[in-house]
Amino acid sequence: MDTRPNILVLGRNLLLVSRITNMANSMNLNVSQVSSQKEYLCLEEAVNLVLIDLETDFEFWTNIVSSLREKIVDGLDCKIVAFGPHRRERVLSEAREAGCDLVITNGQLSRDLREILESV
């Protein structure tokens, strides 16, 4: 049985997804990436960290956060981190209201990615 932490990346930003995946792989973490509700529903592994690109479809990421919040109440040990452009203050605020544990800008993600991945 693989006991490495599972990281899930929601998004389509190839640059950031690639950066996250490369760093997570270098840290020996399991990484999955989904860009649709259908792909998310096919996941079978419990996740320990979810990284959400807020430029992804609003309904998609809010549904995922809601679903994860329910699972966390039921005992899932998972941290939800959302990231987006610093100019999109409204979307960053909506992520906080939706229940994300940490909401940061893309620049903060780039700067703090290793620390965030180490937290799982």
C-alpha atoms as a PDB file:
ATOM      1  CA  MET A   1       0.000   0.000   0.000  1.00  0.00           C
ATOM      2  CA  ASP A   2       1.316   3.422  -0.996  1.00  0.00           C
ATOM      3  CA  THR A   3       1.432   5.683   2.082  1.00  0.00           C
ATOM      4  CA  ARG A   4       2.714   8.828   0.370  1.00  0.00           C
ATOM      5  CA  PRO A   5       0.452  11.875   0.740  1.00  0.00           C
ATOM      6  CA  ASN A   6      -1.949  12.484  -2.140  1.00  0.00           C
ATOM      7  CA  ILE A   7      -2.063  15.921  -3.720  1.00  0.00           C
ATOM      8  CA  LEU A   8      -4.917  16.937  -6.029  1.00  0.00           C
ATOM      9  CA  VAL A   9      -4.564  19.892  -8.380  1.00  0.00           C
ATOM     10  CA  LEU A  10      -7.719  21.410  -9.866  1.00  0.00           C
ATOM     11  CA  GLY A  11      -6.973  23.600 -12.820  1.00  0.00           C
ATOM     12  CA  ARG A  12      -5.946  24.131 -16.381  1.00  0.00           C
ATOM     13  CA  ASN A  13      -3.088  26.630 -15.988  1.00  0.00           C
ATOM     14  CA  LEU A  14      -0.383  24.459 -17.538  1.00  0.00           C
ATOM     15  CA  LEU A  15       2.491  26.538 -16.173  1.00  0.00           C
ATOM     16  CA  LEU A  16       1.337  26.395 -12.549  1.00  0.00           C
ATOM     17  CA  VAL A  17       0.090  22.802 -12.751  1.00  0.00           C
ATOM     18  CA  SER A  18       3.438  21.750 -14.206  1.00  0.00           C
ATOM     19  CA  ARG A  19       5.357  23.619 -11.505  1.00  0.00           C
ATOM     20  CA  ILE A  20       3.237  22.020  -8.767  1.00  0.00           C
ATOM     21  CA  THR A  21       3.549  18.548 -10.285  1.00  0.00           C
ATOM     22  CA  ASN A  22       7.310  18.786 -10.754  1.00  0.00           C
ATOM     23  CA  MET A  23       7.934  19.959  -7.205  1.00  0.00           C
ATOM     24  CA  ALA A  24       5.554  17.400  -5.683  1.00  0.00           C
ATOM     25  CA  ASN A  25       7.211  14.605  -7.658  1.00  0.00           C
ATOM     26  CA  SER A  26      10.647  15.764  -6.511  1.00  0.00           C
ATOM     27  CA  MET A  27       9.342  15.501  -2.928  1.00  0.00           C
ATOM     28  CA  ASN A  28       8.029  11.973  -3.548  1.00  0.00           C
ATOM     29  CA  LEU A  29       4.353  12.999  -3.260  1.00  0.00           C
ATOM     30  CA  ASN A  30       1.524  11.493  -5.318  1.00  0.00           C
ATOM     31  CA  VAL A  31      -0.056  14.077  -7.612  1.00  0.00           C
ATOM     32  CA  SER A  32      -3.286  13.959  -9.602  1.00  0.00           C
ATOM     33  CA  GLN A  33      -4.667  16.727 -11.769  1.00  0.00           C
ATOM     34  CA  VAL A  34      -8.291  17.173 -12.803  1.00  0.00           C
ATOM     35  CA  SER A  35      -9.989  19.835 -14.832  1.00  0.00           C
ATOM     36  CA  SER A  36     -13.613  18.655 -14.763  1.00  0.00           C
ATOM     37  CA  GLN A  37     -16.253  17.402 -12.367  1.00  0.00           C
ATOM     38  CA  LYS A  38     -16.311  14.074 -14.211  1.00  0.00           C
ATOM     39  CA  GLU A  39     -12.559  13.561 -13.675  1.00  0.00           C
ATOM     40  CA  TYR A  40     -12.943  14.456 -10.001  1.00  0.00           C
ATOM     41  CA  LEU A  41     -15.734  11.944  -9.489  1.00  0.00           C
ATOM     42  CA  CYS A  42     -13.525   9.187 -10.947  1.00  0.00           C
ATOM     43  CA  LEU A  43     -10.870   9.670  -8.249  1.00  0.00           C
ATOM     44  CA  GLU A  44     -10.673   6.782  -5.845  1.00  0.00           C
ATOM     45  CA  GLU A  45      -7.873   7.884  -3.533  1.00  0.00           C
ATOM     46  CA  ALA A  46      -8.447  10.107  -0.510  1.00  0.00           C
ATOM     47  CA  VAL A  47      -6.509  13.346  -0.843  1.00  0.00           C
ATOM     48  CA  ASN A  48      -4.468  15.157   1.795  1.00  0.00           C
ATOM     49  CA  LEU A  49      -4.037  18.462  -0.024  1.00  0.00           C
ATOM     50  CA  VAL A  50      -6.125  20.086  -2.743  1.00  0.00           C
ATOM     51  CA  LEU A  51      -4.709  22.998  -4.730  1.00  0.00           C
ATOM     52  CA  ILE A  52      -7.388  24.922  -6.617  1.00  0.00           C
ATOM     53  CA  ASP A  53      -6.696  27.314  -9.478  1.00  0.00           C
ATOM     54  CA  LEU A  54      -9.431  29.930  -9.053  1.00  0.00           C
ATOM     55  CA  GLU A  55      -9.397  30.644 -12.777  1.00  0.00           C
ATOM     56  CA  THR A  56     -11.054  27.258 -13.180  1.00  0.00           C
ATOM     57  CA  ASP A  57     -14.812  27.262 -13.702  1.00  0.00           C
ATOM     58  CA  PHE A  58     -16.486  28.803 -10.628  1.00  0.00           C
ATOM     59  CA  GLU A  59     -19.216  26.174 -10.292  1.00  0.00           C
ATOM     60  CA  PHE A  60     -16.664  23.370 -10.628  1.00  0.00           C
ATOM     61  CA  TRP A  61     -14.340  24.501  -7.862  1.00  0.00           C
ATOM     62  CA  THR A  62     -17.118  25.589  -5.496  1.00  0.00           C
ATOM     63  CA  ASN A  63     -18.768  22.165  -5.839  1.00  0.00           C
ATOM     64  CA  ILE A  64     -15.442  20.468  -5.085  1.00  0.00           C
ATOM     65  CA  VAL A  65     -14.847  22.628  -2.008  1.00  0.00           C
ATOM     66  CA  SER A  66     -18.360  21.890  -0.751  1.00  0.00           C
ATOM     67  CA  SER A  67     -17.885  18.153  -1.289  1.00  0.00           C
ATOM     68  CA  LEU A  68     -14.503  18.179   0.466  1.00  0.00           C
ATOM     69  CA  ARG A  69     -15.873  20.185   3.408  1.00  0.00           C
ATOM     70  CA  GLU A  70     -18.500  17.463   3.944  1.00  0.00           C
ATOM     71  CA  LYS A  71     -15.808  14.770   3.828  1.00  0.00           C
ATOM     72  CA  ILE A  72     -13.636  16.732   6.270  1.00  0.00           C
ATOM     73  CA  VAL A  73     -16.538  16.877   8.731  1.00  0.00           C
ATOM     74  CA  ASP A  74     -16.765  13.093   8.351  1.00  0.00           C
ATOM     75  CA  GLY A  75     -13.075  12.685   9.215  1.00  0.00           C
ATOM     76  CA  LEU A  76     -11.065  13.267   6.025  1.00  0.00           C
ATOM     77  CA  ASP A  77      -7.704  14.891   6.825  1.00  0.00           C
ATOM     78  CA  CYS A  78      -7.414  17.331   3.937  1.00  0.00           C
ATOM     79  CA  LYS A  79      -6.216  20.907   3.506  1.00  0.00           C
ATOM     80  CA  ILE A  80      -7.757  23.065   0.757  1.00  0.00           C
ATOM     81  CA  VAL A  81      -5.564  25.770  -0.772  1.00  0.00           C
ATOM     82  CA  ALA A  82      -6.928  28.112  -3.445  1.00  0.00           C
ATOM     83  CA  PHE A  83      -4.813  30.401  -5.611  1.00  0.00           C
ATOM     84  CA  GLY A  84      -5.527  33.025  -8.231  1.00  0.00           C
ATOM     85  CA  PRO A  85      -4.442  36.339  -9.734  1.00  0.00           C
ATOM     86  CA  HIS A  86      -3.992  39.138  -7.196  1.00  0.00           C
ATOM     87  CA  ARG A  87      -6.254  41.378  -9.304  1.00  0.00           C
ATOM     88  CA  ARG A  88      -9.231  39.025  -8.804  1.00  0.00           C
ATOM     89  CA  GLU A  89      -9.991  40.078  -5.233  1.00  0.00           C
ATOM     90  CA  ARG A  90     -13.646  39.088  -5.514  1.00  0.00           C
ATOM     91  CA  VAL A  91     -12.796  35.503  -6.513  1.00  0.00           C
ATOM     92  CA  LEU A  92     -10.186  35.258  -3.738  1.00  0.00           C
ATOM     93  CA  SER A  93     -12.826  36.434  -1.272  1.00  0.00           C
ATOM     94  CA  GLU A  94     -15.353  33.914  -2.610  1.00  0.00           C
ATOM     95  CA  ALA A  95     -12.815  31.125  -2.038  1.00  0.00           C
ATOM     96  CA  ARG A  96     -12.440  32.189   1.594  1.00  0.00           C
ATOM     97  CA  GLU A  97     -16.222  32.250   1.993  1.00  0.00           C
ATOM     98  CA  ALA A  98     -16.502  28.790   0.363  1.00  0.00           C
ATOM     99  CA  GLY A  99     -14.308  27.337   3.100  1.00  0.00           C
ATOM    100  CA  CYS A 100     -10.816  27.077   1.650  1.00  0.00           C
ATOM    101  CA  ASP A 101      -8.208  26.754   4.404  1.00  0.00           C
ATOM    102  CA  LEU A 102      -5.749  29.053   2.651  1.00  0.00           C
ATOM    103  CA  VAL A 103      -6.359  31.543  -0.168  1.00  0.00           C
ATOM    104  CA  ILE A 104      -3.295  33.034  -1.832  1.00  0.00           C
ATOM    105  CA  THR A 105      -2.214  34.763  -5.014  1.00  0.00           C
ATOM    106  CA  ASN A 106      -0.375  33.009  -7.821  1.00  0.00           C
ATOM    107  CA  GLY A 107       2.799  34.814  -6.759  1.00  0.00           C
ATOM    108  CA  GLN A 108       2.435  33.583  -3.190  1.00  0.00           C
ATOM    109  CA  LEU A 109       1.896  30.051  -4.478  1.00  0.00           C
ATOM    110  CA  SER A 110       5.088  30.212  -6.516  1.00  0.00           C
ATOM    111  CA  ARG A 111       7.020  31.566  -3.551  1.00  0.00           C
ATOM    112  CA  ASP A 112       5.572  29.229  -0.883  1.00  0.00           C
ATOM    113  CA  LEU A 113       4.873  26.064  -2.869  1.00  0.00           C
ATOM    114  CA  ARG A 114       7.508  23.899  -1.194  1.00  0.00           C
ATOM    115  CA  GLU A 115       6.311  24.934   2.275  1.00  0.00           C
ATOM    116  CA  ILE A 116       2.682  24.219   1.331  1.00  0.00           C
ATOM    117  CA  LEU A 117       3.563  20.780  -0.019  1.00  0.00           C
ATOM    118  CA  GLU A 118       5.655  20.020   3.067  1.00  0.00           C
ATOM    119  CA  SER A 119       2.616  20.719   5.259  1.00  0.00           C
ATOM    120  CA  VAL A 120       0.950  17.411   4.276  1.00  0.00           C
END
